[in-house]
C-alpha atoms as a PDB file:
ATOM      1  CA  MET A   1      75.392 137.506  99.516  1.00  0.00           C
ATOM      2  CA  LYS A   2      78.298 136.258 101.039  1.00  0.00           C
ATOM      3  CA  VAL A   3      76.336 134.681 104.277  1.00  0.00           C
ATOM      4  CA  ILE A   4      74.096 133.188 102.271  1.00  0.00           C
ATOM      5  CA  ARG A   5      77.000 131.515 100.155  1.00  0.00           C
ATOM      6  CA  ILE A   6      79.001 130.419 103.540  1.00  0.00           C
ATOM      7  CA  GLN A   7      75.147 128.378 104.378  1.00  0.00           C
ATOM      8  CA  MET A   8      75.061 127.168 101.355  1.00  0.00           C
ATOM      9  CA  ILE A   9      78.881 125.351 101.490  1.00  0.00           C
ATOM     10  CA  GLY A  10      78.220 124.459 104.985  1.00  0.00           C
ATOM     11  CA  LEU A  11      74.654 122.275 103.872  1.00  0.00           C
ATOM     12  CA  LEU A  12      76.407 120.731 100.757  1.00  0.00           C
ATOM     13  CA  ILE A  13      79.581 119.797 103.404  1.00  0.00           C
ATOM     14  CA  ALA A  14      76.865 118.360 105.988  1.00  0.00           C
ATOM     15  CA  GLY A  15      75.029 116.912 102.961  1.00  0.00           C
ATOM     16  CA  LEU A  16      78.591 114.445 102.079  1.00  0.00           C
ATOM     17  CA  LEU A  17      79.231 113.792 105.376  1.00  0.00           C
ATOM     18  CA  ILE A  18      75.593 112.274 106.303  1.00  0.00           C
ATOM     19  CA  SER A  19      75.277 110.694 102.931  1.00  0.00           C
ATOM     20  CA  ALA A  20      78.744 109.079 103.516  1.00  0.00           C
ATOM     21  CA  PHE A  21      77.151 107.415 106.550  1.00  0.00           C
ATOM     22  CA  ALA A  22      74.182 106.423 104.916  1.00  0.00           C
ATOM     23  CA  LEU A  23      76.448 104.632 102.181  1.00  0.00           C
ATOM     24  CA  GLN A  24      78.360 102.910 104.941  1.00  0.00           C
ATOM     25  CA  GLN A  25      77.599  99.419 104.313  1.00  0.00           C
ATOM     26  CA  THR A  26      77.496  96.615 107.538  1.00  0.00           C
ATOM     27  CA  GLY A  27      76.928  92.880 107.487  1.00  0.00           C
ATOM     28  CA  ILE A  28      74.872  90.419 108.900  1.00  0.00           C
ATOM     29  CA  VAL A  29      75.436  87.543 110.574  1.00  0.00           C
ATOM     30  CA  ARG A  30      72.098  84.617 111.002  1.00  0.00           C
ATOM     31  CA  GLY A  31      70.867  81.515 111.742  1.00  0.00           C
ATOM     32  CA  LYS A  32      69.222  78.892 114.714  1.00  0.00           C
ATOM     33  CA  VAL A  33      69.747  77.470 117.759  1.00  0.00           C
ATOM     34  CA  ASN A  34      69.099  74.130 118.572  1.00  0.00           C
ATOM     35  CA  PRO A  35      67.258  73.456 121.045  1.00  0.00           C
ATOM     36  CA  PRO A  36      65.612  76.914 121.142  1.00  0.00           C
ATOM     37  CA  GLU A  37      64.084  77.228 124.669  1.00  0.00           C
ATOM     38  CA  ASN A  38      67.716  77.065 125.884  1.00  0.00           C
ATOM     39  CA  ALA A  39      69.242  80.194 123.675  1.00  0.00           C
ATOM     40  CA  LEU A  40      69.212  83.032 125.341  1.00  0.00           C
ATOM     41  CA  GLN A  41      71.375  85.441 123.298  1.00  0.00           C
ATOM     42  CA  ILE A  42      73.949  85.789 121.081  1.00  0.00           C
ATOM     43  CA  PHE A  43      77.486  87.998 120.754  1.00  0.00           C
ATOM     44  CA  ALA A  44      79.291  89.113 117.721  1.00  0.00           C
ATOM     45  CA  ILE A  45      82.874  89.872 118.775  1.00  0.00           C
ATOM     46  CA  SER A  46      85.730  91.687 116.787  1.00  0.00           C
ATOM     47  CA  GLY A  47      88.441  93.108 118.706  1.00  0.00           C
ATOM     48  CA  THR A  48      86.992  95.403 120.794  1.00  0.00           C
ATOM     49  CA  ASP A  49      83.688  95.480 118.811  1.00  0.00           C
ATOM     50  CA  THR A  50      80.825  93.589 120.281  1.00  0.00           C
ATOM     51  CA  VAL A  51      77.453  93.675 119.569  1.00  0.00           C
ATOM     52  CA  ARG A  52      74.491  91.920 120.951  1.00  0.00           C
ATOM     53  CA  SER A  53      71.234  90.305 120.025  1.00  0.00           C
ATOM     54  CA  ASN A  54      68.374  88.457 121.394  1.00  0.00           C
ATOM     55  CA  ILE A  55      67.695  84.719 120.022  1.00  0.00           C
ATOM     56  CA  VAL A  56      63.818  84.442 119.440  1.00  0.00           C
ATOM     57  CA  GLN A  57      62.586  81.234 119.088  1.00  0.00           C
ATOM     58  CA  GLY A  58      65.767  79.454 118.385  1.00  0.00           C
ATOM     59  CA  HIS A  59      66.387  82.320 115.632  1.00  0.00           C
ATOM     60  CA  PHE A  60      68.896  84.941 115.855  1.00  0.00           C
ATOM     61  CA  GLU A  61      70.170  87.939 113.442  1.00  0.00           C
ATOM     62  CA  VAL A  62      73.063  90.005 114.584  1.00  0.00           C
ATOM     63  CA  GLN A  63      73.370  93.170 112.671  1.00  0.00           C
ATOM     64  CA  LYS A  64      75.183  96.377 111.700  1.00  0.00           C
ATOM     65  CA  LEU A  65      78.172  94.371 111.677  1.00  0.00           C
ATOM     66  CA  LYS A  66      81.195  96.190 110.392  1.00  0.00           C
ATOM     67  CA  GLU A  67      83.341  93.862 108.185  1.00  0.00           C
ATOM     68  CA  GLY A  68      86.056  91.824 109.510  1.00  0.00           C
ATOM     69  CA  ILE A  69      86.580  88.077 111.484  1.00  0.00           C
ATOM     70  CA  TYR A  70      84.174  87.658 114.092  1.00  0.00           C
ATOM     71  CA  HIS A  71      83.989  85.223 117.329  1.00  0.00           C
ATOM     72  CA  VAL A  72      80.356  84.282 117.909  1.00  0.00           C
ATOM     73  CA  TRP A  73      79.458  83.540 121.575  1.00  0.00           C
ATOM     74  CA  ILE A  74      75.826  82.233 122.663  1.00  0.00           C
ATOM     75  CA  GLU A  75      75.098  82.179 125.808  1.00  0.00           C
ATOM     76  CA  ALA A  76      72.718  78.701 126.646  1.00  0.00           C
ATOM     77  CA  LEU A  77      70.595  78.042 129.557  1.00  0.00           C
ATOM     78  CA  PRO A  78      71.540  74.656 131.759  1.00  0.00           C
ATOM     79  CA  PRO A  79      71.963  72.114 131.139  1.00  0.00           C
ATOM     80  CA  TYR A  80      73.623  73.512 128.371  1.00  0.00           C
ATOM     81  CA  ARG A  81      77.153  74.546 127.410  1.00  0.00           C
ATOM     82  CA  ASN A  82      77.642  78.279 125.836  1.00  0.00           C
ATOM     83  CA  LYS A  83      79.016  77.440 122.162  1.00  0.00           C
ATOM     84  CA  LEU A  84      81.620  79.683 120.402  1.00  0.00           C
ATOM     85  CA  ILE A  85      82.169  79.977 116.722  1.00  0.00           C
ATOM     86  CA  GLN A  86      85.265  81.446 115.817  1.00  0.00           C
ATOM     87  CA  GLN A  87      86.658  83.005 112.448  1.00  0.00           C
ATOM     88  CA  VAL A  88      82.982  84.074 111.215  1.00  0.00           C
ATOM     89  CA  GLN A  89      83.771  86.064 108.236  1.00  0.00           C
ATOM     90  CA  VAL A  90      81.561  89.210 107.891  1.00  0.00           C
ATOM     91  CA  ARG A  91      81.315  91.139 104.889  1.00  0.00           C
ATOM     92  CA  ASP A  92      79.912  94.633 103.357  1.00  0.00           C
ATOM     93  CA  GLY A  93      76.527  94.257 102.219  1.00  0.00           C
ATOM     94  CA  GLU A  94      76.137  90.689 102.708  1.00  0.00           C
ATOM     95  CA  VAL A  95      74.268  87.982 105.067  1.00  0.00           C
ATOM     96  CA  THR A  96      76.371  85.350 106.750  1.00  0.00           C
ATOM     97  CA  GLU A  97      74.272  82.388 107.545  1.00  0.00           C
ATOM     98  CA  LEU A  98      75.652  79.885 110.116  1.00  0.00           C
ATOM     99  CA  GLY A  99      72.886  77.407 109.730  1.00  0.00           C
ATOM    100  CA  GLU A 100      71.574  75.450 112.485  1.00  0.00           C
ATOM    101  CA  ILE A 101      73.974  75.175 115.938  1.00  0.00           C
ATOM    102  CA  TYR A 102      73.427  72.373 117.455  1.00  0.00           C
ATOM    103  CA  LEU A 103      73.836  73.116 121.863  1.00  0.00           C
ATOM    104  CA  SER A 104      75.414  70.055 123.682  1.00  0.00           C
ATOM    105  CA  VAL A 105      74.740  69.335 127.473  1.00  0.00           C
ATOM    106  CA  LYS A 106      77.203  70.003 130.426  1.00  0.00           C
END
């Protein structure tokens, strides 16, 4: 009987820990890069955290971002310049729309 009780308590604690991770919300940054054929990938950087995502046909969506301030770095193919967007606010459970981002020629 005592063993069953200990197992039940263990299962309860494990369930609480799993649900805490499942309830943790994250934010999303999305937008479009123009010209689309010259945009390679995008990075969202906050402190020591970096999340990378591909740019597909000019569209991007960086997911699973913790709440905070990010710098968004778009890696471009020549003859275009890489693009840095600073101070992007990400909030839990929300989508931050960056709209259309235009790359400039070097």
